[in-house]
């Protein structure tokens, strides 16, 4: 697990990568910032991932910025959980259902 990567939530929808880069660099060397955007609307989803050069810097940032005001909002800052923990089973199930429906339609014609 990458202990250098932080989840940053409760962001203003106007927050840009550069805003977070500047703010979080107070805690150490920021190696990447990714504000997450909705694919359909192109609008910010209100959270981002910030990665530091070391786990020590990431932990310092959690202590320094969690529940602190940034652009008028109290940030949620914690070590990011690995992506594979998110329910991939749902996507698999949905794909199976789609194929089943398609086969059913073909049989009726």
C-alpha atoms as a PDB file:
ATOM      1  CA  UNK A   1       0.000   0.000   0.000  1.00  0.00           C
ATOM      2  CA  UNK A   2       1.256   3.471  -0.889  1.00  0.00           C
ATOM      3  CA  UNK A   3       1.549   5.406   2.374  1.00  0.00           C
ATOM      4  CA  UNK A   4       2.571   8.542   0.435  1.00  0.00           C
ATOM      5  CA  UNK A   5      -0.831   9.067  -1.235  1.00  0.00           C
ATOM      6  CA  UNK A   6      -3.555  11.077   0.489  1.00  0.00           C
ATOM      7  CA  UNK A   7      -7.280  11.328  -0.086  1.00  0.00           C
ATOM      8  CA  UNK A   8      -8.411  14.948   0.235  1.00  0.00           C
ATOM      9  CA  UNK A   9     -12.170  15.443   0.466  1.00  0.00           C
ATOM     10  CA  UNK A  10     -14.732  18.206   0.971  1.00  0.00           C
ATOM     11  CA  UNK A  11     -13.050  20.436  -1.594  1.00  0.00           C
ATOM     12  CA  UNK A  12     -14.642  23.487  -3.123  1.00  0.00           C
ATOM     13  CA  UNK A  13     -15.762  22.668  -6.663  1.00  0.00           C
ATOM     14  CA  UNK A  14     -13.514  25.494  -7.901  1.00  0.00           C
ATOM     15  CA  UNK A  15     -10.316  24.006  -6.402  1.00  0.00           C
ATOM     16  CA  UNK A  16      -7.587  23.401  -8.990  1.00  0.00           C
ATOM     17  CA  UNK A  17      -4.574  21.062  -8.883  1.00  0.00           C
ATOM     18  CA  UNK A  18      -2.257  24.055  -8.494  1.00  0.00           C
ATOM     19  CA  UNK A  19      -4.199  25.305  -5.437  1.00  0.00           C
ATOM     20  CA  UNK A  20      -3.638  21.988  -3.674  1.00  0.00           C
ATOM     21  CA  UNK A  21      -0.018  21.755  -4.837  1.00  0.00           C
ATOM     22  CA  UNK A  22       0.749  25.136  -3.266  1.00  0.00           C
ATOM     23  CA  UNK A  23      -1.176  24.443  -0.042  1.00  0.00           C
ATOM     24  CA  UNK A  24       0.094  20.920   0.640  1.00  0.00           C
ATOM     25  CA  UNK A  25       3.712  21.774  -0.198  1.00  0.00           C
ATOM     26  CA  UNK A  26       3.827  23.357   3.294  1.00  0.00           C
ATOM     27  CA  UNK A  27       4.082  19.784   4.634  1.00  0.00           C
ATOM     28  CA  UNK A  28       6.732  18.510   2.206  1.00  0.00           C
ATOM     29  CA  UNK A  29       7.571  17.593  -1.381  1.00  0.00           C
ATOM     30  CA  UNK A  30       4.338  17.047  -3.323  1.00  0.00           C
ATOM     31  CA  UNK A  31       4.967  14.694  -6.266  1.00  0.00           C
ATOM     32  CA  UNK A  32       1.460  14.727  -7.799  1.00  0.00           C
ATOM     33  CA  UNK A  33      -2.008  16.217  -7.382  1.00  0.00           C
ATOM     34  CA  UNK A  34      -5.147  14.885  -9.077  1.00  0.00           C
ATOM     35  CA  UNK A  35      -8.474  16.645  -8.581  1.00  0.00           C
ATOM     36  CA  UNK A  36     -11.146  14.157  -9.655  1.00  0.00           C
ATOM     37  CA  UNK A  37     -13.736  15.241 -12.221  1.00  0.00           C
ATOM     38  CA  UNK A  38     -17.061  13.711 -13.245  1.00  0.00           C
ATOM     39  CA  UNK A  39     -16.706  12.176 -16.719  1.00  0.00           C
ATOM     40  CA  UNK A  40     -20.218  13.150 -17.776  1.00  0.00           C
ATOM     41  CA  UNK A  41     -20.403  16.756 -16.563  1.00  0.00           C
ATOM     42  CA  UNK A  42     -16.715  17.706 -16.454  1.00  0.00           C
ATOM     43  CA  UNK A  43     -17.282  19.244 -12.992  1.00  0.00           C
ATOM     44  CA  UNK A  44     -15.130  18.586  -9.943  1.00  0.00           C
ATOM     45  CA  UNK A  45     -16.319  15.711  -7.751  1.00  0.00           C
ATOM     46  CA  UNK A  46     -15.099  17.568  -4.630  1.00  0.00           C
ATOM     47  CA  UNK A  47     -12.128  15.344  -3.841  1.00  0.00           C
ATOM     48  CA  UNK A  48      -8.547  14.792  -4.926  1.00  0.00           C
ATOM     49  CA  UNK A  49      -5.475  12.658  -4.387  1.00  0.00           C
ATOM     50  CA  UNK A  50      -2.223  14.265  -3.285  1.00  0.00           C
ATOM     51  CA  UNK A  51       1.002  12.267  -3.315  1.00  0.00           C
ATOM     52  CA  UNK A  52       4.137  13.094  -1.344  1.00  0.00           C
ATOM     53  CA  UNK A  53       7.753  12.001  -1.816  1.00  0.00           C
ATOM     54  CA  UNK A  54       7.767  10.202   1.563  1.00  0.00           C
ATOM     55  CA  UNK A  55       5.311   8.590   3.964  1.00  0.00           C
ATOM     56  CA  UNK A  56       6.581  10.906   6.713  1.00  0.00           C
ATOM     57  CA  UNK A  57       5.587  13.976   4.709  1.00  0.00           C
ATOM     58  CA  UNK A  58       2.177  12.463   3.939  1.00  0.00           C
ATOM     59  CA  UNK A  59       1.568  11.750   7.635  1.00  0.00           C
ATOM     60  CA  UNK A  60       2.648  15.289   8.502  1.00  0.00           C
ATOM     61  CA  UNK A  61       0.124  16.628   5.967  1.00  0.00           C
ATOM     62  CA  UNK A  62      -2.686  14.553   7.522  1.00  0.00           C
ATOM     63  CA  UNK A  63      -1.863  16.001  10.956  1.00  0.00           C
ATOM     64  CA  UNK A  64      -1.450  19.521   9.593  1.00  0.00           C
ATOM     65  CA  UNK A  65      -4.469  19.782   7.265  1.00  0.00           C
ATOM     66  CA  UNK A  66      -7.216  17.347   8.394  1.00  0.00           C
ATOM     67  CA  UNK A  67     -10.317  19.373   9.426  1.00  0.00           C
ATOM     68  CA  UNK A  68      -8.529  22.635   8.560  1.00  0.00           C
ATOM     69  CA  UNK A  69     -10.217  25.354   6.522  1.00  0.00           C
ATOM     70  CA  UNK A  70      -9.211  25.578   2.845  1.00  0.00           C
ATOM     71  CA  UNK A  71     -11.139  27.861   0.497  1.00  0.00           C
ATOM     72  CA  UNK A  72     -13.980  28.073   3.023  1.00  0.00           C
ATOM     73  CA  UNK A  73     -14.358  24.308   3.657  1.00  0.00           C
ATOM     74  CA  UNK A  74     -13.045  21.954   6.356  1.00  0.00           C
ATOM     75  CA  UNK A  75     -10.861  19.414   4.544  1.00  0.00           C
ATOM     76  CA  UNK A  76     -10.970  15.666   5.067  1.00  0.00           C
ATOM     77  CA  UNK A  77      -7.388  14.421   4.744  1.00  0.00           C
ATOM     78  CA  UNK A  78      -6.290  10.827   5.252  1.00  0.00           C
ATOM     79  CA  UNK A  79      -4.068   8.128   3.783  1.00  0.00           C
ATOM     80  CA  UNK A  80      -5.723   6.900   0.571  1.00  0.00           C
ATOM     81  CA  UNK A  81      -7.006   3.330   0.516  1.00  0.00           C
ATOM     82  CA  UNK A  82      -5.916   1.110  -2.382  1.00  0.00           C
ATOM     83  CA  UNK A  83      -8.203   1.217  -5.417  1.00  0.00           C
ATOM     84  CA  UNK A  84      -8.805  -2.567  -5.456  1.00  0.00           C
ATOM     85  CA  UNK A  85     -10.745  -2.332  -2.179  1.00  0.00           C
ATOM     86  CA  UNK A  86     -13.577  -0.645  -4.067  1.00  0.00           C
ATOM     87  CA  UNK A  87     -16.319  -3.095  -5.063  1.00  0.00           C
ATOM     88  CA  UNK A  88     -15.281  -4.451  -8.435  1.00  0.00           C
ATOM     89  CA  UNK A  89     -17.952  -7.144  -8.025  1.00  0.00           C
ATOM     90  CA  UNK A  90     -20.672  -4.618  -8.909  1.00  0.00           C
ATOM     91  CA  UNK A  91     -19.140  -3.831 -12.271  1.00  0.00           C
ATOM     92  CA  UNK A  92     -18.774  -7.520 -13.041  1.00  0.00           C
ATOM     93  CA  UNK A  93     -22.393  -8.177 -12.121  1.00  0.00           C
ATOM     94  CA  UNK A  94     -23.648  -5.284 -14.246  1.00  0.00           C
ATOM     95  CA  UNK A  95     -21.698  -6.508 -17.263  1.00  0.00           C
ATOM     96  CA  UNK A  96     -23.171  -9.990 -16.939  1.00  0.00           C
ATOM     97  CA  UNK A  97     -26.696  -8.608 -16.752  1.00  0.00           C
ATOM     98  CA  UNK A  98     -26.186  -6.560 -19.903  1.00  0.00           C
ATOM     99  CA  UNK A  99     -25.115  -9.592 -21.914  1.00  0.00           C
ATOM    100  CA  UNK A 100     -28.067 -11.594 -20.621  1.00  0.00           C
ATOM    101  CA  UNK A 101     -30.525  -8.931 -21.783  1.00  0.00           C
ATOM    102  CA  UNK A 102     -28.960  -8.755 -25.224  1.00  0.00           C
ATOM    103  CA  UNK A 103     -29.237 -12.507 -25.736  1.00  0.00           C
ATOM    104  CA  UNK A 104     -32.880 -12.417 -24.685  1.00  0.00           C
ATOM    105  CA  UNK A 105     -33.717  -9.741 -27.243  1.00  0.00           C
ATOM    106  CA  UNK A 106     -32.133 -11.723 -30.065  1.00  0.00           C
ATOM    107  CA  UNK A 107     -34.189 -14.803 -29.270  1.00  0.00           C
ATOM    108  CA  UNK A 108     -37.514 -12.908 -29.557  1.00  0.00           C
ATOM    109  CA  UNK A 109     -36.939 -11.662 -33.109  1.00  0.00           C
END
